[in-house]
Amino acid sequence: MRELVDLWGDLRTCSRTHRYVRGGVLAGAALWVLAYIAAGGGNPWAWGGGIFIGVLAVIQPHTIAPGLFLGFGVASWWATVDGPWHWALLPAALGLVLLHTCAALCASVPAQAPIPESVLSRWLARLGLVSAVTVLVWGVAGALSTRTGGEGAEALGAWPGIAGLAVLATGLVVYLRWRTNPT
């Protein structure tokens, strides 16, 4: 019971910037749920579960709650939305990115401490970069899923995912090498 009181105290006494960032966690969860509904996935129980886990992520951004929301979101979408690609994938993915980024930022700074403007701008730039890559990947996935002819999207199998992960891993290695030797 003491843990709940501590969580309520953290939420009640957190700084204004922390409240804004926690609002970003809630906005990300709401965006995902609305995209999930628009894609025809789930039912009211699943939608309510998404909102419930999103609120848990707002209250406890430093625990497993944001990861639980990400797992719930991906598994629910995969299990209940028809087709390999849907236009609502973009707002759903951006909602997950927003929730994850804001929860990570909340967990990295004590609740009562104001988040420095330099840290906010750095995280906002990272959020913009990841969002731009997300839009690019969404567009490529859409183009691949509408491909017709002898080899449809089903014939491609896992290759687009493997290629995307290879590009992502290569980009991460290049970035890390650049960060350690910025000449």
N, C-alpha and C. Protein backbone atom coordinates (compact mmCIF):
# COMPACT_ATOMS: atom_id res chain seq x y z
N MET A 1 0.83 -1.19 0.00
CA MET A 1 0.00 0.00 0.00
C MET A 1 0.87 1.26 0.00
N ARG A 2 2.01 1.17 0.67
CA ARG A 2 2.91 2.31 0.75
C ARG A 2 3.41 2.73 -0.64
N GLU A 3 3.62 1.73 -1.52
CA GLU A 3 4.09 2.02 -2.87
C GLU A 3 3.07 2.87 -3.63
N LEU A 4 1.80 2.57 -3.46
CA LEU A 4 0.75 3.36 -4.13
C LEU A 4 0.73 4.79 -3.63
N VAL A 5 0.94 4.95 -2.33
CA VAL A 5 0.99 6.30 -1.76
C VAL A 5 2.20 7.06 -2.31
N ASP A 6 3.34 6.37 -2.44
CA ASP A 6 4.53 7.01 -3.00
C ASP A 6 4.32 7.40 -4.46
N LEU A 7 3.69 6.53 -5.23
CA LEU A 7 3.41 6.85 -6.63
C LEU A 7 2.48 8.05 -6.75
N TRP A 8 1.47 8.09 -5.90
CA TRP A 8 0.54 9.23 -5.91
C TRP A 8 1.29 10.51 -5.51
N GLY A 9 2.18 10.41 -4.54
CA GLY A 9 2.97 11.56 -4.13
C GLY A 9 3.87 12.05 -5.25
N ASP A 10 4.49 11.13 -5.98
CA ASP A 10 5.32 11.50 -7.13
C ASP A 10 4.50 12.22 -8.19
N LEU A 11 3.34 11.68 -8.47
CA LEU A 11 2.49 12.27 -9.51
C LEU A 11 1.97 13.64 -9.09
N ARG A 12 1.62 13.78 -7.82
CA ARG A 12 1.05 15.03 -7.32
C ARG A 12 2.10 16.13 -7.20
N THR A 13 3.34 15.76 -6.89
CA THR A 13 4.38 16.77 -6.64
C THR A 13 5.38 16.91 -7.78
N CYS A 14 5.12 16.27 -8.91
CA CYS A 14 6.11 16.35 -9.98
C CYS A 14 6.15 17.75 -10.59
N SER A 15 7.26 18.06 -11.23
CA SER A 15 7.46 19.39 -11.82
C SER A 15 6.54 19.56 -13.03
N ARG A 16 6.39 20.82 -13.44
CA ARG A 16 5.52 21.13 -14.58
C ARG A 16 6.01 20.45 -15.86
N THR A 17 7.32 20.48 -16.11
CA THR A 17 7.84 19.84 -17.31
C THR A 17 7.63 18.33 -17.26
N HIS A 18 7.73 17.77 -16.07
CA HIS A 18 7.48 16.33 -15.91
C HIS A 18 6.03 16.02 -16.22
N ARG A 19 5.12 16.88 -15.81
CA ARG A 19 3.70 16.68 -16.12
C ARG A 19 3.46 16.71 -17.62
N TYR A 20 4.10 17.64 -18.31
CA TYR A 20 3.95 17.71 -19.77
C TYR A 20 4.44 16.44 -20.45
N VAL A 21 5.58 15.95 -19.99
CA VAL A 21 6.14 14.74 -20.59
C VAL A 21 5.26 13.53 -20.27
N ARG A 22 4.73 13.47 -19.05
CA ARG A 22 3.79 12.39 -18.72
C ARG A 22 2.52 12.52 -19.56
N GLY A 23 2.13 13.74 -19.88
CA GLY A 23 1.01 13.94 -20.80
C GLY A 23 1.33 13.37 -22.17
N GLY A 24 2.59 13.44 -22.58
CA GLY A 24 3.01 12.82 -23.84
C GLY A 24 2.86 11.31 -23.80
N VAL A 25 3.12 10.71 -22.64
CA VAL A 25 2.91 9.26 -22.48
C VAL A 25 1.44 8.93 -22.71
N LEU A 26 0.57 9.70 -22.08
CA LEU A 26 -0.87 9.47 -22.23
C LEU A 26 -1.33 9.75 -23.66
N ALA A 27 -0.79 10.79 -24.28
CA ALA A 27 -1.15 11.11 -25.67
C ALA A 27 -0.72 9.98 -26.61
N GLY A 28 0.45 9.40 -26.38
CA GLY A 28 0.90 8.28 -27.19
C GLY A 28 -0.01 7.07 -27.05
N ALA A 29 -0.42 6.78 -25.82
CA ALA A 29 -1.34 5.66 -25.59
C ALA A 29 -2.69 5.91 -26.26
N ALA A 30 -3.20 7.13 -26.14
CA ALA A 30 -4.49 7.46 -26.75
C ALA A 30 -4.41 7.41 -28.28
N LEU A 31 -3.30 7.88 -28.85
CA LEU A 31 -3.12 7.83 -30.30
C LEU A 31 -3.10 6.38 -30.79
N TRP A 32 -2.41 5.52 -30.06
CA TRP A 32 -2.38 4.12 -30.45
C TRP A 32 -3.78 3.51 -30.38
N VAL A 33 -4.50 3.75 -29.31
CA VAL A 33 -5.85 3.18 -29.15
C VAL A 33 -6.77 3.68 -30.25
N LEU A 34 -6.72 4.97 -30.58
CA LEU A 34 -7.58 5.50 -31.65
C LEU A 34 -7.22 4.89 -33.00
N ALA A 35 -5.94 4.70 -33.27
CA ALA A 35 -5.53 4.06 -34.53
C ALA A 35 -5.97 2.60 -34.55
N TYR A 36 -5.91 1.95 -33.42
CA TYR A 36 -6.34 0.55 -33.30
C TYR A 36 -7.83 0.42 -33.59
N ILE A 37 -8.59 1.34 -33.05
CA ILE A 37 -10.03 1.36 -33.33
C ILE A 37 -10.28 1.63 -34.81
N ALA A 38 -9.57 2.61 -35.38
CA ALA A 38 -9.75 2.96 -36.79
C ALA A 38 -9.39 1.79 -37.71
N ALA A 39 -8.45 0.96 -37.31
CA ALA A 39 -8.05 -0.18 -38.13
C ALA A 39 -9.01 -1.35 -37.97
N GLY A 40 -9.98 -1.24 -37.08
CA GLY A 40 -10.95 -2.31 -36.87
C GLY A 40 -10.45 -3.42 -35.99
N GLY A 41 -9.47 -3.13 -35.18
CA GLY A 41 -8.90 -4.16 -34.31
C GLY A 41 -9.56 -4.18 -32.95
N GLY A 42 -9.54 -5.34 -32.35
CA GLY A 42 -9.97 -5.50 -30.97
C GLY A 42 -11.45 -5.31 -30.74
N ASN A 43 -11.77 -5.03 -29.50
CA ASN A 43 -13.13 -4.80 -29.04
C ASN A 43 -13.05 -3.83 -27.87
N PRO A 44 -14.17 -3.42 -27.31
CA PRO A 44 -14.10 -2.46 -26.20
C PRO A 44 -13.23 -2.90 -25.02
N TRP A 45 -13.14 -4.21 -24.78
CA TRP A 45 -12.29 -4.68 -23.68
C TRP A 45 -10.82 -4.43 -24.00
N ALA A 46 -10.43 -4.69 -25.25
CA ALA A 46 -9.04 -4.46 -25.65
C ALA A 46 -8.73 -2.97 -25.64
N TRP A 47 -9.65 -2.15 -26.10
CA TRP A 47 -9.43 -0.70 -26.12
C TRP A 47 -9.29 -0.17 -24.69
N GLY A 48 -10.18 -0.64 -23.81
CA GLY A 48 -10.09 -0.23 -22.40
C GLY A 48 -8.81 -0.72 -21.74
N GLY A 49 -8.38 -1.93 -22.11
CA GLY A 49 -7.11 -2.44 -21.60
C GLY A 49 -5.94 -1.59 -22.03
N GLY A 50 -5.99 -1.12 -23.29
CA GLY A 50 -4.93 -0.23 -23.77
C GLY A 50 -4.88 1.07 -23.00
N ILE A 51 -6.04 1.65 -22.77
CA ILE A 51 -6.09 2.90 -21.99
C ILE A 51 -5.62 2.66 -20.56
N PHE A 52 -6.04 1.54 -19.95
CA PHE A 52 -5.64 1.22 -18.58
C PHE A 52 -4.13 1.08 -18.46
N ILE A 53 -3.52 0.34 -19.40
CA ILE A 53 -2.07 0.16 -19.35
C ILE A 53 -1.37 1.48 -19.66
N GLY A 54 -1.97 2.31 -20.53
CA GLY A 54 -1.41 3.64 -20.80
C GLY A 54 -1.41 4.52 -19.55
N VAL A 55 -2.49 4.47 -18.78
CA VAL A 55 -2.54 5.24 -17.53
C VAL A 55 -1.51 4.70 -16.53
N LEU A 56 -1.34 3.38 -16.49
CA LEU A 56 -0.29 2.82 -15.64
C LEU A 56 1.08 3.33 -16.05
N ALA A 57 1.31 3.46 -17.35
CA ALA A 57 2.59 3.97 -17.84
C ALA A 57 2.78 5.43 -17.44
N VAL A 58 1.70 6.20 -17.35
CA VAL A 58 1.79 7.59 -16.89
C VAL A 58 2.15 7.63 -15.41
N ILE A 59 1.50 6.78 -14.64
CA ILE A 59 1.72 6.76 -13.19
C ILE A 59 3.09 6.18 -12.85
N GLN A 60 3.51 5.16 -13.62
CA GLN A 60 4.76 4.45 -13.33
C GLN A 60 5.67 4.40 -14.56
N PRO A 61 6.18 5.53 -15.03
CA PRO A 61 7.01 5.49 -16.24
C PRO A 61 8.37 4.81 -16.02
N HIS A 62 8.75 4.63 -14.78
CA HIS A 62 10.05 4.04 -14.44
C HIS A 62 9.97 2.54 -14.18
N THR A 63 8.80 1.94 -14.42
CA THR A 63 8.63 0.50 -14.19
C THR A 63 8.44 -0.21 -15.53
N ILE A 64 7.91 -1.39 -15.47
CA ILE A 64 7.69 -2.19 -16.67
C ILE A 64 6.42 -1.77 -17.43
N ALA A 65 5.64 -0.85 -16.89
CA ALA A 65 4.36 -0.48 -17.51
C ALA A 65 4.50 0.01 -18.96
N PRO A 66 5.46 0.89 -19.30
CA PRO A 66 5.59 1.27 -20.72
C PRO A 66 5.94 0.09 -21.63
N GLY A 67 6.80 -0.79 -21.16
CA GLY A 67 7.14 -1.99 -21.94
C GLY A 67 5.95 -2.91 -22.09
N LEU A 68 5.14 -3.00 -21.04
CA LEU A 68 3.93 -3.80 -21.11
C LEU A 68 2.97 -3.23 -22.15
N PHE A 69 2.87 -1.89 -22.21
CA PHE A 69 2.01 -1.27 -23.22
C PHE A 69 2.53 -1.57 -24.62
N LEU A 70 3.83 -1.47 -24.83
CA LEU A 70 4.40 -1.75 -26.14
C LEU A 70 4.12 -3.20 -26.55
N GLY A 71 4.33 -4.13 -25.65
CA GLY A 71 4.06 -5.54 -25.95
C GLY A 71 2.58 -5.78 -26.22
N PHE A 72 1.73 -5.18 -25.41
CA PHE A 72 0.29 -5.30 -25.61
C PHE A 72 -0.12 -4.72 -26.96
N GLY A 73 0.44 -3.55 -27.29
CA GLY A 73 0.09 -2.89 -28.54
C GLY A 73 0.47 -3.69 -29.76
N VAL A 74 1.69 -4.18 -29.79
CA VAL A 74 2.17 -4.94 -30.95
C VAL A 74 1.41 -6.26 -31.05
N ALA A 75 1.25 -6.97 -29.94
CA ALA A 75 0.56 -8.27 -29.97
C ALA A 75 -0.91 -8.10 -30.35
N SER A 76 -1.58 -7.10 -29.80
CA SER A 76 -2.99 -6.89 -30.12
C SER A 76 -3.18 -6.55 -31.59
N TRP A 77 -2.32 -5.67 -32.10
CA TRP A 77 -2.43 -5.29 -33.51
C TRP A 77 -2.21 -6.52 -34.40
N TRP A 78 -1.17 -7.26 -34.13
CA TRP A 78 -0.84 -8.42 -34.93
C TRP A 78 -1.95 -9.46 -34.89
N ALA A 79 -2.58 -9.63 -33.74
CA ALA A 79 -3.59 -10.68 -33.58
C ALA A 79 -4.95 -10.30 -34.15
N THR A 80 -5.30 -9.01 -34.20
CA THR A 80 -6.69 -8.67 -34.51
C THR A 80 -6.89 -7.77 -35.72
N VAL A 81 -5.85 -7.15 -36.25
CA VAL A 81 -6.03 -6.28 -37.42
C VAL A 81 -5.75 -7.09 -38.68
N ASP A 82 -6.70 -7.03 -39.62
CA ASP A 82 -6.57 -7.81 -40.86
C ASP A 82 -5.57 -7.17 -41.80
N GLY A 83 -4.92 -8.03 -42.56
CA GLY A 83 -4.03 -7.56 -43.63
C GLY A 83 -2.63 -7.28 -43.14
N PRO A 84 -1.69 -7.29 -44.09
CA PRO A 84 -0.30 -7.03 -43.72
C PRO A 84 0.00 -5.55 -43.50
N TRP A 85 -0.84 -4.66 -44.05
CA TRP A 85 -0.58 -3.23 -43.94
C TRP A 85 -1.90 -2.50 -43.86
N HIS A 86 -1.94 -1.45 -43.08
CA HIS A 86 -3.13 -0.62 -42.93
C HIS A 86 -2.67 0.82 -42.77
N TRP A 87 -3.45 1.76 -43.28
CA TRP A 87 -3.05 3.17 -43.18
C TRP A 87 -2.90 3.60 -41.72
N ALA A 88 -3.67 3.00 -40.81
CA ALA A 88 -3.63 3.39 -39.40
C ALA A 88 -2.37 2.89 -38.70
N LEU A 89 -1.55 2.12 -39.40
CA LEU A 89 -0.28 1.71 -38.81
C LEU A 89 0.60 2.91 -38.46
N LEU A 90 0.53 3.95 -39.30
CA LEU A 90 1.39 5.11 -39.05
C LEU A 90 1.05 5.81 -37.74
N PRO A 91 -0.22 6.21 -37.50
CA PRO A 91 -0.48 6.84 -36.20
C PRO A 91 -0.28 5.89 -35.03
N ALA A 92 -0.52 4.59 -35.24
CA ALA A 92 -0.28 3.64 -34.16
C ALA A 92 1.21 3.57 -33.81
N ALA A 93 2.05 3.48 -34.84
CA ALA A 93 3.50 3.42 -34.60
C ALA A 93 4.01 4.72 -33.98
N LEU A 94 3.50 5.86 -34.47
CA LEU A 94 3.93 7.13 -33.88
C LEU A 94 3.46 7.27 -32.44
N GLY A 95 2.29 6.72 -32.13
CA GLY A 95 1.83 6.71 -30.74
C GLY A 95 2.74 5.89 -29.85
N LEU A 96 3.18 4.72 -30.34
CA LEU A 96 4.10 3.89 -29.56
C LEU A 96 5.45 4.58 -29.37
N VAL A 97 5.92 5.24 -30.43
CA VAL A 97 7.20 5.97 -30.33
C VAL A 97 7.08 7.10 -29.31
N LEU A 98 5.98 7.84 -29.36
CA LEU A 98 5.77 8.95 -28.42
C LEU A 98 5.69 8.43 -26.98
N LEU A 99 4.92 7.38 -26.77
CA LEU A 99 4.79 6.81 -25.42
C LEU A 99 6.15 6.35 -24.90
N HIS A 100 6.88 5.62 -25.71
CA HIS A 100 8.17 5.08 -25.27
C HIS A 100 9.17 6.20 -24.96
N THR A 101 9.25 7.19 -25.85
CA THR A 101 10.21 8.28 -25.66
C THR A 101 9.88 9.09 -24.41
N CYS A 102 8.62 9.44 -24.25
CA CYS A 102 8.23 10.24 -23.08
C CYS A 102 8.40 9.46 -21.78
N ALA A 103 8.08 8.18 -21.80
CA ALA A 103 8.26 7.37 -20.59
C ALA A 103 9.74 7.24 -20.23
N ALA A 104 10.59 7.07 -21.24
CA ALA A 104 12.03 6.97 -20.98
C ALA A 104 12.57 8.28 -20.42
N LEU A 105 12.10 9.40 -20.95
CA LEU A 105 12.53 10.70 -20.43
C LEU A 105 12.05 10.90 -19.00
N CYS A 106 10.81 10.52 -18.71
CA CYS A 106 10.30 10.63 -17.33
C CYS A 106 11.12 9.78 -16.37
N ALA A 107 11.49 8.60 -16.81
CA ALA A 107 12.23 7.69 -15.93
C ALA A 107 13.66 8.14 -15.72
N SER A 108 14.17 9.01 -16.58
CA SER A 108 15.57 9.41 -16.48
C SER A 108 15.79 10.62 -15.57
N VAL A 109 14.72 11.29 -15.16
CA VAL A 109 14.83 12.48 -14.33
C VAL A 109 13.89 12.31 -13.14
N PRO A 110 14.34 12.64 -11.92
CA PRO A 110 13.42 12.54 -10.78
C PRO A 110 12.16 13.38 -11.01
N ALA A 111 11.04 12.91 -10.51
CA ALA A 111 9.75 13.54 -10.79
C ALA A 111 9.69 14.99 -10.33
N GLN A 112 10.30 15.31 -9.22
CA GLN A 112 10.21 16.67 -8.69
C GLN A 112 11.19 17.64 -9.35
N ALA A 113 12.16 17.13 -10.05
CA ALA A 113 13.15 17.99 -10.69
C ALA A 113 12.62 18.46 -12.05
N PRO A 114 12.76 19.75 -12.34
CA PRO A 114 12.38 20.20 -13.67
C PRO A 114 13.35 19.63 -14.71
N ILE A 115 12.81 19.28 -15.85
CA ILE A 115 13.65 18.73 -16.92
C ILE A 115 14.31 19.91 -17.62
N PRO A 116 15.64 19.93 -17.69
CA PRO A 116 16.33 21.05 -18.33
C PRO A 116 15.94 21.20 -19.80
N GLU A 117 15.91 22.43 -20.26
CA GLU A 117 15.52 22.71 -21.64
C GLU A 117 16.44 22.04 -22.65
N SER A 118 17.73 21.96 -22.32
CA SER A 118 18.68 21.30 -23.23
C SER A 118 18.35 19.81 -23.37
N VAL A 119 17.94 19.19 -22.29
CA VAL A 119 17.56 17.77 -22.34
C VAL A 119 16.28 17.61 -23.14
N LEU A 120 15.31 18.48 -22.91
CA LEU A 120 14.06 18.41 -23.67
C LEU A 120 14.30 18.57 -25.16
N SER A 121 15.15 19.53 -25.54
CA SER A 121 15.39 19.75 -26.96
C SER A 121 16.13 18.57 -27.58
N ARG A 122 17.05 17.96 -26.84
CA ARG A 122 17.76 16.79 -27.35
C ARG A 122 16.80 15.62 -27.57
N TRP A 123 15.93 15.39 -26.60
CA TRP A 123 14.97 14.30 -26.72
C TRP A 123 13.94 14.59 -27.81
N LEU A 124 13.57 15.83 -27.98
CA LEU A 124 12.63 16.20 -29.04
C LEU A 124 13.26 15.97 -30.41
N ALA A 125 14.54 16.27 -30.55
CA ALA A 125 15.24 16.01 -31.81
C ALA A 125 15.30 14.51 -32.09
N ARG A 126 15.56 13.73 -31.08
CA ARG A 126 15.60 12.27 -31.25
C ARG A 126 14.22 11.74 -31.63
N LEU A 127 13.20 12.27 -30.97
CA LEU A 127 11.83 11.86 -31.29
C LEU A 127 11.49 12.20 -32.74
N GLY A 128 11.91 13.36 -33.20
CA GLY A 128 11.68 13.75 -34.59
C GLY A 128 12.39 12.84 -35.57
N LEU A 129 13.63 12.48 -35.26
CA LEU A 129 14.40 11.59 -36.13
C LEU A 129 13.76 10.21 -36.21
N VAL A 130 13.42 9.65 -35.08
CA VAL A 130 12.81 8.32 -35.07
C VAL A 130 11.43 8.36 -35.75
N SER A 131 10.69 9.43 -35.56
CA SER A 131 9.39 9.57 -36.22
C SER A 131 9.55 9.66 -37.73
N ALA A 132 10.56 10.38 -38.19
CA ALA A 132 10.81 10.47 -39.64
C ALA A 132 11.16 9.11 -40.22
N VAL A 133 11.99 8.35 -39.53
CA VAL A 133 12.34 7.00 -39.99
C VAL A 133 11.09 6.11 -39.97
N THR A 134 10.24 6.29 -38.98
CA THR A 134 9.00 5.52 -38.89
C THR A 134 8.11 5.80 -40.09
N VAL A 135 7.98 7.07 -40.46
CA VAL A 135 7.17 7.43 -41.63
C VAL A 135 7.76 6.81 -42.88
N LEU A 136 9.08 6.83 -43.01
CA LEU A 136 9.74 6.24 -44.17
C LEU A 136 9.49 4.74 -44.25
N VAL A 137 9.66 4.05 -43.15
CA VAL A 137 9.44 2.60 -43.12
C VAL A 137 7.97 2.28 -43.40
N TRP A 138 7.06 3.08 -42.85
CA TRP A 138 5.63 2.90 -43.12
C TRP A 138 5.34 3.03 -44.61
N GLY A 139 5.93 4.02 -45.25
CA GLY A 139 5.72 4.22 -46.68
C GLY A 139 6.27 3.07 -47.51
N VAL A 140 7.46 2.60 -47.17
CA VAL A 140 8.05 1.47 -47.90
C VAL A 140 7.20 0.22 -47.69
N ALA A 141 6.74 0.00 -46.46
CA ALA A 141 5.88 -1.17 -46.20
C ALA A 141 4.58 -1.07 -46.99
N GLY A 142 4.03 0.13 -47.10
CA GLY A 142 2.82 0.31 -47.89
C GLY A 142 3.06 0.03 -49.36
N ALA A 143 4.19 0.48 -49.87
CA ALA A 143 4.53 0.23 -51.27
C ALA A 143 4.73 -1.26 -51.52
N LEU A 144 5.39 -1.94 -50.60
CA LEU A 144 5.61 -3.38 -50.77
C LEU A 144 4.31 -4.17 -50.66
N SER A 145 3.40 -3.73 -49.79
CA SER A 145 2.16 -4.48 -49.60
C SER A 145 1.20 -4.31 -50.77
N THR A 146 1.33 -3.24 -51.54
CA THR A 146 0.43 -3.05 -52.68
C THR A 146 1.03 -3.59 -53.96
N ARG A 147 2.19 -4.16 -53.87
CA ARG A 147 2.86 -4.73 -55.04
C ARG A 147 2.03 -5.89 -55.59
N THR A 148 1.81 -5.89 -56.89
CA THR A 148 1.00 -6.94 -57.51
C THR A 148 1.84 -7.69 -58.52
N GLY A 149 1.29 -8.73 -59.05
CA GLY A 149 1.99 -9.51 -60.06
C GLY A 149 2.23 -10.91 -59.56
N GLY A 150 3.20 -11.58 -60.17
CA GLY A 150 3.50 -12.95 -59.81
C GLY A 150 3.98 -13.09 -58.38
N GLU A 151 4.70 -12.09 -57.91
CA GLU A 151 5.19 -12.12 -56.53
C GLU A 151 4.50 -11.04 -55.73
N GLY A 152 3.47 -11.38 -55.01
CA GLY A 152 2.77 -10.41 -54.17
C GLY A 152 3.49 -10.22 -52.87
N ALA A 153 2.89 -9.46 -51.98
CA ALA A 153 3.50 -9.19 -50.67
C ALA A 153 3.69 -10.49 -49.88
N GLU A 154 2.77 -11.46 -50.11
CA GLU A 154 2.88 -12.72 -49.38
C GLU A 154 4.12 -13.49 -49.82
N ALA A 155 4.49 -13.39 -51.10
CA ALA A 155 5.64 -14.12 -51.62
C ALA A 155 6.95 -13.55 -51.09
N LEU A 156 6.93 -12.30 -50.66
CA LEU A 156 8.15 -11.70 -50.13
C LEU A 156 8.52 -12.28 -48.77
N GLY A 157 7.53 -12.76 -48.05
CA GLY A 157 7.76 -13.37 -46.75
C GLY A 157 8.42 -12.42 -45.77
N ALA A 158 9.44 -12.90 -45.11
CA ALA A 158 10.10 -12.12 -44.06
C ALA A 158 11.22 -11.23 -44.59
N TRP A 159 11.49 -11.27 -45.88
CA TRP A 159 12.64 -10.52 -46.41
C TRP A 159 12.57 -9.02 -46.18
N PRO A 160 11.41 -8.36 -46.33
CA PRO A 160 11.41 -6.92 -46.03
C PRO A 160 11.77 -6.62 -44.57
N GLY A 161 11.30 -7.45 -43.65
CA GLY A 161 11.64 -7.25 -42.25
C GLY A 161 13.11 -7.49 -41.98
N ILE A 162 13.67 -8.51 -42.60
CA ILE A 162 15.09 -8.81 -42.44
C ILE A 162 15.93 -7.67 -43.01
N ALA A 163 15.54 -7.18 -44.19
CA ALA A 163 16.27 -6.06 -44.80
C ALA A 163 16.17 -4.81 -43.94
N GLY A 164 14.99 -4.54 -43.40
CA GLY A 164 14.82 -3.37 -42.53
C GLY A 164 15.67 -3.46 -41.28
N LEU A 165 15.71 -4.64 -40.65
CA LEU A 165 16.54 -4.82 -39.46
C LEU A 165 18.03 -4.69 -39.80
N ALA A 166 18.43 -5.17 -40.97
CA ALA A 166 19.83 -5.04 -41.38
C ALA A 166 20.20 -3.58 -41.57
N VAL A 167 19.32 -2.82 -42.21
CA VAL A 167 19.57 -1.38 -42.40
C VAL A 167 19.62 -0.69 -41.05
N LEU A 168 18.70 -1.03 -40.15
CA LEU A 168 18.68 -0.42 -38.82
C LEU A 168 19.96 -0.76 -38.04
N ALA A 169 20.38 -2.01 -38.07
CA ALA A 169 21.60 -2.41 -37.37
C ALA A 169 22.82 -1.72 -37.94
N THR A 170 22.89 -1.61 -39.27
CA THR A 170 24.02 -0.92 -39.90
C THR A 170 24.04 0.55 -39.50
N GLY A 171 22.89 1.18 -39.53
CA GLY A 171 22.81 2.59 -39.11
C GLY A 171 23.22 2.78 -37.67
N LEU A 172 22.83 1.85 -36.79
CA LEU A 172 23.20 1.95 -35.38
C LEU A 172 24.70 1.79 -35.20
N VAL A 173 25.31 0.85 -35.91
CA VAL A 173 26.76 0.65 -35.82
C VAL A 173 27.50 1.90 -36.31
N VAL A 174 27.07 2.46 -37.43
CA VAL A 174 27.71 3.67 -37.97
C VAL A 174 27.57 4.81 -36.97
N TYR A 175 26.39 4.97 -36.40
CA TYR A 175 26.17 6.04 -35.43
C TYR A 175 27.05 5.87 -34.20
N LEU A 176 27.11 4.66 -33.66
CA LEU A 176 27.93 4.43 -32.47
C LEU A 176 29.41 4.64 -32.74
N ARG A 177 29.86 4.25 -33.91
CA ARG A 177 31.27 4.48 -34.27
C ARG A 177 31.53 5.97 -34.41
N TRP A 178 30.58 6.70 -34.98
CA TRP A 178 30.73 8.14 -35.13
C TRP A 178 30.74 8.83 -33.77
N ARG A 179 29.90 8.36 -32.83
CA ARG A 179 29.84 8.96 -31.49
C ARG A 179 31.13 8.75 -30.72
N THR A 180 31.77 7.61 -30.93
CA THR A 180 32.99 7.33 -30.17
C THR A 180 34.22 7.98 -30.81
N ASN A 181 34.18 8.26 -32.13
CA ASN A 181 35.29 8.90 -32.83
C ASN A 181 34.77 10.02 -33.71
N PRO A 182 34.28 11.13 -33.14
CA PRO A 182 33.69 12.20 -33.97
C PRO A 182 34.76 13.12 -34.58
N THR A 183 35.54 12.61 -35.50
CA THR A 183 36.60 13.42 -36.13
C THR A 183 36.11 14.16 -37.34
